[in-house]
Structures are given as C-alpha cells and as structure tokens.
Amino acid sequence: MATPKYKTSKSKAASRKAANMKLSAPTLSECQTCGNLIPPHRVCPKCGYYAGKPVVVKDEE
C-alpha cells in the first residue's frame, strides 16, 4: 500500500478542508398559494401549484 512521502502541511490540509466550509444551505422560497417553503422553480409538494397555477391534482384527505 502506498504511503505519503512527506507530512501534509497545515496550509495544504486547511485549503483542502476549506472547500466544504463554503457550502451553504439551499435557498427556499414561499409558495404563493399555501405558504409552504419550497426550493425555487419546483412544484409545491403540499398543494401541487407552480407559479400560481395548478399543475398536479392533489387529493384532499
């Protein structure tokens, strides 16, 4: 099995780990019809509306 020849410096390790620190939470927008928080440009799973128009027929239970 291959082993590293030299110790990884603190700056090398930190710069490699820094990519994960830049990640942020996904943005959510409010559904115009029901007010549910959903990702933008997606059909609302709660009411089935997209851009104020019914797209998916949901059965009310």
PDB file of N, CA and C in Angstrom:
ATOM      1  N   MET A   1       0.841  -1.182   0.000  1.00  0.00           N
ATOM      2  CA  MET A   1       0.000   0.000   0.000  1.00  0.00           C
ATOM      3  C   MET A   1       0.886   1.245   0.000  1.00  0.00           C
ATOM      4  N   ALA A   2       0.482   2.238  -0.767  1.00  0.00           N
ATOM      5  CA  ALA A   2       1.269   3.460  -0.863  1.00  0.00           C
ATOM      6  C   ALA A   2       1.141   4.292   0.408  1.00  0.00           C
ATOM      7  N   THR A   3       2.253   4.887   0.806  1.00  0.00           N
ATOM      8  CA  THR A   3       2.253   5.763   1.976  1.00  0.00           C
ATOM      9  C   THR A   3       2.798   7.123   1.571  1.00  0.00           C
ATOM     10  N   PRO A   4       2.372   8.177   2.221  1.00  0.00           N
ATOM     11  CA  PRO A   4       2.873   9.500   1.864  1.00  0.00           C
ATOM     12  C   PRO A   4       4.352   9.637   2.187  1.00  0.00           C
ATOM     13  N   LYS A   5       5.063  10.335   1.300  1.00  0.00           N
ATOM     14  CA  LYS A   5       6.500  10.512   1.492  1.00  0.00           C
ATOM     15  C   LYS A   5       6.797  11.622   2.494  1.00  0.00           C
ATOM     16  N   TYR A   6       5.956  12.665   2.498  1.00  0.00           N
ATOM     17  CA  TYR A   6       6.168  13.804   3.395  1.00  0.00           C
ATOM     18  C   TYR A   6       4.879  14.117   4.153  1.00  0.00           C
ATOM     19  N   LYS A   7       5.045  14.782   5.278  1.00  0.00           N
ATOM     20  CA  LYS A   7       3.898  15.197   6.080  1.00  0.00           C
ATOM     21  C   LYS A   7       3.128  16.288   5.325  1.00  0.00           C
ATOM     22  N   THR A   8       1.811  16.222   5.355  1.00  0.00           N
ATOM     23  CA  THR A   8       0.983  17.252   4.738  1.00  0.00           C
ATOM     24  C   THR A   8       1.007  18.493   5.608  1.00  0.00           C
ATOM     25  N   SER A   9       1.324  19.631   5.018  1.00  0.00           N
ATOM     26  CA  SER A   9       1.430  20.870   5.793  1.00  0.00           C
ATOM     27  C   SER A   9       0.052  21.329   6.269  1.00  0.00           C
ATOM     28  N   LYS A  10       0.062  22.186   7.276  1.00  0.00           N
ATOM     29  CA  LYS A  10      -1.198  22.701   7.816  1.00  0.00           C
ATOM     30  C   LYS A  10      -1.957  23.500   6.770  1.00  0.00           C
ATOM     31  N   SER A  11      -1.228  24.253   5.950  1.00  0.00           N
ATOM     32  CA  SER A  11      -1.905  25.074   4.940  1.00  0.00           C
ATOM     33  C   SER A  11      -2.520  24.211   3.837  1.00  0.00           C
ATOM     34  N   LYS A  12      -1.841  23.126   3.446  1.00  0.00           N
ATOM     35  CA  LYS A  12      -2.396  22.214   2.441  1.00  0.00           C
ATOM     36  C   LYS A  12      -3.672  21.564   2.950  1.00  0.00           C
ATOM     37  N   ALA A  13      -3.635  21.081   4.198  1.00  0.00           N
ATOM     38  CA  ALA A  13      -4.797  20.426   4.785  1.00  0.00           C
ATOM     39  C   ALA A  13      -5.940  21.417   4.957  1.00  0.00           C
ATOM     40  N   ALA A  14      -5.621  22.644   5.378  1.00  0.00           N
ATOM     41  CA  ALA A  14      -6.661  23.652   5.597  1.00  0.00           C
ATOM     42  C   ALA A  14      -7.306  24.070   4.281  1.00  0.00           C
ATOM     43  N   SER A  15      -6.511  24.201   3.222  1.00  0.00           N
ATOM     44  CA  SER A  15      -7.085  24.616   1.942  1.00  0.00           C
ATOM     45  C   SER A  15      -7.958  23.508   1.354  1.00  0.00           C
ATOM     46  N   ARG A  16      -7.612  22.256   1.621  1.00  0.00           N
ATOM     47  CA  ARG A  16      -8.425  21.138   1.157  1.00  0.00           C
ATOM     48  C   ARG A  16      -9.764  21.108   1.903  1.00  0.00           C
ATOM     49  N   LYS A  17      -9.730  21.384   3.210  1.00  0.00           N
ATOM     50  CA  LYS A  17     -10.942  21.371   4.020  1.00  0.00           C
ATOM     51  C   LYS A  17     -11.801  22.608   3.799  1.00  0.00           C
ATOM     52  N   ALA A  18     -11.195  23.685   3.282  1.00  0.00           N
ATOM     53  CA  ALA A  18     -11.909  24.951   3.124  1.00  0.00           C
ATOM     54  C   ALA A  18     -13.036  24.855   2.099  1.00  0.00           C
ATOM     55  N   ALA A  19     -12.941  23.932   1.150  1.00  0.00           N
ATOM     56  CA  ALA A  19     -13.976  23.793   0.125  1.00  0.00           C
ATOM     57  C   ALA A  19     -15.312  23.425   0.759  1.00  0.00           C
ATOM     58  N   ASN A  20     -15.277  22.623   1.826  1.00  0.00           N
ATOM     59  CA  ASN A  20     -16.515  22.226   2.492  1.00  0.00           C
ATOM     60  C   ASN A  20     -17.094  23.354   3.332  1.00  0.00           C
ATOM     61  N   MET A  21     -16.262  24.302   3.753  1.00  0.00           N
ATOM     62  CA  MET A  21     -16.752  25.413   4.563  1.00  0.00           C
ATOM     63  C   MET A  21     -17.537  26.426   3.740  1.00  0.00           C
ATOM     64  N   LYS A  22     -17.357  26.411   2.424  1.00  0.00           N
ATOM     65  CA  LYS A  22     -18.042  27.350   1.548  1.00  0.00           C
ATOM     66  C   LYS A  22     -19.481  26.929   1.258  1.00  0.00           C
ATOM     67  N   LEU A  23     -19.825  25.686   1.546  1.00  0.00           N
ATOM     68  CA  LEU A  23     -21.170  25.198   1.268  1.00  0.00           C
ATOM     69  C   LEU A  23     -22.186  25.922   2.147  1.00  0.00           C
ATOM     70  N   SER A  24     -23.324  26.254   1.561  1.00  0.00           N
ATOM     71  CA  SER A  24     -24.368  26.938   2.319  1.00  0.00           C
ATOM     72  C   SER A  24     -25.679  26.177   2.172  1.00  0.00           C
ATOM     73  N   ALA A  25     -26.617  26.513   3.004  1.00  0.00           N
ATOM     74  CA  ALA A  25     -27.928  25.877   2.957  1.00  0.00           C
ATOM     75  C   ALA A  25     -28.656  26.297   1.680  1.00  0.00           C
ATOM     76  N   PRO A  26     -29.471  25.413   1.111  1.00  0.00           N
ATOM     77  CA  PRO A  26     -30.188  25.770  -0.108  1.00  0.00           C
ATOM     78  C   PRO A  26     -31.208  26.873   0.152  1.00  0.00           C
ATOM     79  N   THR A  27     -31.409  27.736  -0.838  1.00  0.00           N
ATOM     80  CA  THR A  27     -32.386  28.805  -0.689  1.00  0.00           C
ATOM     81  C   THR A  27     -33.788  28.232  -0.850  1.00  0.00           C
ATOM     82  N   LEU A  28     -34.701  28.741  -0.064  1.00  0.00           N
ATOM     83  CA  LEU A  28     -36.087  28.308  -0.115  1.00  0.00           C
ATOM     84  C   LEU A  28     -36.964  29.523  -0.367  1.00  0.00           C
ATOM     85  N   SER A  29     -37.993  29.329  -1.179  1.00  0.00           N
ATOM     86  CA  SER A  29     -38.945  30.402  -1.419  1.00  0.00           C
ATOM     87  C   SER A  29     -40.319  29.950  -0.939  1.00  0.00           C
ATOM     88  N   GLU A  30     -41.174  30.911  -0.706  1.00  0.00           N
ATOM     89  CA  GLU A  30     -42.500  30.620  -0.165  1.00  0.00           C
ATOM     90  C   GLU A  30     -43.480  30.368  -1.300  1.00  0.00           C
ATOM     91  N   CYS A  31     -44.284  29.328  -1.174  1.00  0.00           N
ATOM     92  CA  CYS A  31     -45.316  29.020  -2.167  1.00  0.00           C
ATOM     93  C   CYS A  31     -46.355  30.139  -2.154  1.00  0.00           C
ATOM     94  N   GLN A  32     -46.751  30.606  -3.348  1.00  0.00           N
ATOM     95  CA  GLN A  32     -47.716  31.703  -3.449  1.00  0.00           C
ATOM     96  C   GLN A  32     -49.099  31.296  -2.956  1.00  0.00           C
ATOM     97  N   THR A  33     -49.407  30.004  -3.048  1.00  0.00           N
ATOM     98  CA  THR A  33     -50.751  29.541  -2.705  1.00  0.00           C
ATOM     99  C   THR A  33     -50.897  29.163  -1.237  1.00  0.00           C
ATOM    100  N   CYS A  34     -50.012  28.277  -0.751  1.00  0.00           N
ATOM    101  CA  CYS A  34     -50.191  27.751   0.608  1.00  0.00           C
ATOM    102  C   CYS A  34     -49.171  28.282   1.605  1.00  0.00           C
ATOM    103  N   GLY A  35     -48.093  28.932   1.141  1.00  0.00           N
ATOM    104  CA  GLY A  35     -47.101  29.477   2.051  1.00  0.00           C
ATOM    105  C   GLY A  35     -46.047  28.481   2.489  1.00  0.00           C
ATOM    106  N   ASN A  36     -46.042  27.286   1.911  1.00  0.00           N
ATOM    107  CA  ASN A  36     -45.056  26.266   2.244  1.00  0.00           C
ATOM    108  C   ASN A  36     -43.694  26.672   1.690  1.00  0.00           C
ATOM    109  N   LEU A  37     -42.606  26.388   2.424  1.00  0.00           N
ATOM    110  CA  LEU A  37     -41.264  26.698   1.931  1.00  0.00           C
ATOM    111  C   LEU A  37     -40.801  25.585   0.994  1.00  0.00           C
ATOM    112  N   ILE A  38     -40.448  25.958  -0.248  1.00  0.00           N
ATOM    113  CA  ILE A  38     -40.033  25.006  -1.273  1.00  0.00           C
ATOM    114  C   ILE A  38     -38.819  25.551  -2.010  1.00  0.00           C
ATOM    115  N   PRO A  39     -38.018  24.691  -2.649  1.00  0.00           N
ATOM    116  CA  PRO A  39     -36.933  25.189  -3.498  1.00  0.00           C
ATOM    117  C   PRO A  39     -37.517  25.964  -4.677  1.00  0.00           C
ATOM    118  N   PRO A  40     -36.823  26.992  -5.153  1.00  0.00           N
ATOM    119  CA  PRO A  40     -37.359  27.773  -6.266  1.00  0.00           C
ATOM    120  C   PRO A  40     -37.469  26.938  -7.545  1.00  0.00           C
ATOM    121  N   HIS A  41     -38.440  27.276  -8.375  1.00  0.00           N
ATOM    122  CA  HIS A  41     -38.688  26.627  -9.666  1.00  0.00           C
ATOM    123  C   HIS A  41     -39.057  25.161  -9.517  1.00  0.00           C
ATOM    124  N   ARG A  42     -39.823  24.841  -8.484  1.00  0.00           N
ATOM    125  CA  ARG A  42     -40.303  23.472  -8.257  1.00  0.00           C
ATOM    126  C   ARG A  42     -41.802  23.525  -7.967  1.00  0.00           C
ATOM    127  N   VAL A  43     -42.494  22.439  -8.298  1.00  0.00           N
ATOM    128  CA  VAL A  43     -43.905  22.314  -7.956  1.00  0.00           C
ATOM    129  C   VAL A  43     -44.010  22.078  -6.459  1.00  0.00           C
ATOM    130  N   CYS A  44     -44.959  22.766  -5.812  1.00  0.00           N
ATOM    131  CA  CYS A  44     -45.143  22.613  -4.374  1.00  0.00           C
ATOM    132  C   CYS A  44     -45.683  21.207  -4.088  1.00  0.00           C
ATOM    133  N   PRO A  45     -45.006  20.430  -3.239  1.00  0.00           N
ATOM    134  CA  PRO A  45     -45.495  19.084  -2.941  1.00  0.00           C
ATOM    135  C   PRO A  45     -46.751  19.085  -2.067  1.00  0.00           C
ATOM    136  N   LYS A  46     -47.004  20.194  -1.388  1.00  0.00           N
ATOM    137  CA  LYS A  46     -48.155  20.266  -0.487  1.00  0.00           C
ATOM    138  C   LYS A  46     -49.463  20.539  -1.236  1.00  0.00           C
ATOM    139  N   CYS A  47     -49.430  21.538  -2.139  1.00  0.00           N
ATOM    140  CA  CYS A  47     -50.669  21.918  -2.819  1.00  0.00           C
ATOM    141  C   CYS A  47     -50.669  21.596  -4.323  1.00  0.00           C
ATOM    142  N   GLY A  48     -49.500  21.343  -4.926  1.00  0.00           N
ATOM    143  CA  GLY A  48     -49.442  20.988  -6.337  1.00  0.00           C
ATOM    144  C   GLY A  48     -49.470  22.178  -7.283  1.00  0.00           C
ATOM    145  N   TYR A  49     -49.187  23.386  -6.768  1.00  0.00           N
ATOM    146  CA  TYR A  49     -49.201  24.588  -7.601  1.00  0.00           C
ATOM    147  C   TYR A  49     -47.785  24.964  -8.005  1.00  0.00           C
ATOM    148  N   TYR A  50     -47.665  25.575  -9.200  1.00  0.00           N
ATOM    149  CA  TYR A  50     -46.396  26.138  -9.662  1.00  0.00           C
ATOM    150  C   TYR A  50     -46.705  27.479 -10.308  1.00  0.00           C
ATOM    151  N   ALA A  51     -46.076  28.540  -9.831  1.00  0.00           N
ATOM    152  CA  ALA A  51     -46.271  29.909 -10.336  1.00  0.00           C
ATOM    153  C   ALA A  51     -47.737  30.322 -10.273  1.00  0.00           C
ATOM    154  N   GLY A  52     -48.433  29.910  -9.215  1.00  0.00           N
ATOM    155  CA  GLY A  52     -49.819  30.313  -9.019  1.00  0.00           C
ATOM    156  C   GLY A  52     -50.832  29.535  -9.831  1.00  0.00           C
ATOM    157  N   LYS A  53     -50.419  28.506 -10.563  1.00  0.00           N
ATOM    158  CA  LYS A  53     -51.324  27.714 -11.394  1.00  0.00           C
ATOM    159  C   LYS A  53     -51.287  26.254 -10.931  1.00  0.00           C
ATOM    160  N   PRO A  54     -52.449  25.577 -10.917  1.00  0.00           N
ATOM    161  CA  PRO A  54     -52.444  24.161 -10.509  1.00  0.00           C
ATOM    162  C   PRO A  54     -51.780  23.300 -11.581  1.00  0.00           C
ATOM    163  N   VAL A  55     -50.814  22.489 -11.175  1.00  0.00           N
ATOM    164  CA  VAL A  55     -50.094  21.640 -12.097  1.00  0.00           C
ATOM    165  C   VAL A  55     -50.370  20.172 -11.793  1.00  0.00           C
ATOM    166  N   VAL A  56     -50.342  19.835 -10.505  1.00  0.00           N
ATOM    167  CA  VAL A  56     -50.576  18.469 -10.049  1.00  0.00           C
ATOM    168  C   VAL A  56     -51.853  18.462  -9.238  1.00  0.00           C
ATOM    169  N   VAL A  57     -52.748  17.536  -9.558  1.00  0.00           N
ATOM    170  CA  VAL A  57     -54.007  17.430  -8.805  1.00  0.00           C
ATOM    171  C   VAL A  57     -53.721  16.642  -7.539  1.00  0.00           C
ATOM    172  N   LYS A  58     -53.945  17.295  -6.374  1.00  0.00           N
ATOM    173  CA  LYS A  58     -53.730  16.654  -5.085  1.00  0.00           C
ATOM    174  C   LYS A  58     -55.088  16.245  -4.486  1.00  0.00           C
ATOM    175  N   ASP A  59     -55.155  15.042  -3.931  1.00  0.00           N
ATOM    176  CA  ASP A  59     -56.360  14.579  -3.258  1.00  0.00           C
ATOM    177  C   ASP A  59     -56.362  15.128  -1.846  1.00  0.00           C
ATOM    178  N   GLU A  60     -57.432  15.803  -1.449  1.00  0.00           N
ATOM    179  CA  GLU A  60     -57.548  16.335  -0.088  1.00  0.00           C
ATOM    180  C   GLU A  60     -58.010  15.216   0.827  1.00  0.00           C
ATOM    181  N   GLU A  61     -57.276  15.001   1.894  1.00  0.00           N
ATOM    182  CA  GLU A  61     -57.632  13.947   2.860  1.00  0.00           C
ATOM    183  C   GLU A  61     -58.062  14.533   4.160  1.00  0.00           C
TER     184      GLU A  61
END
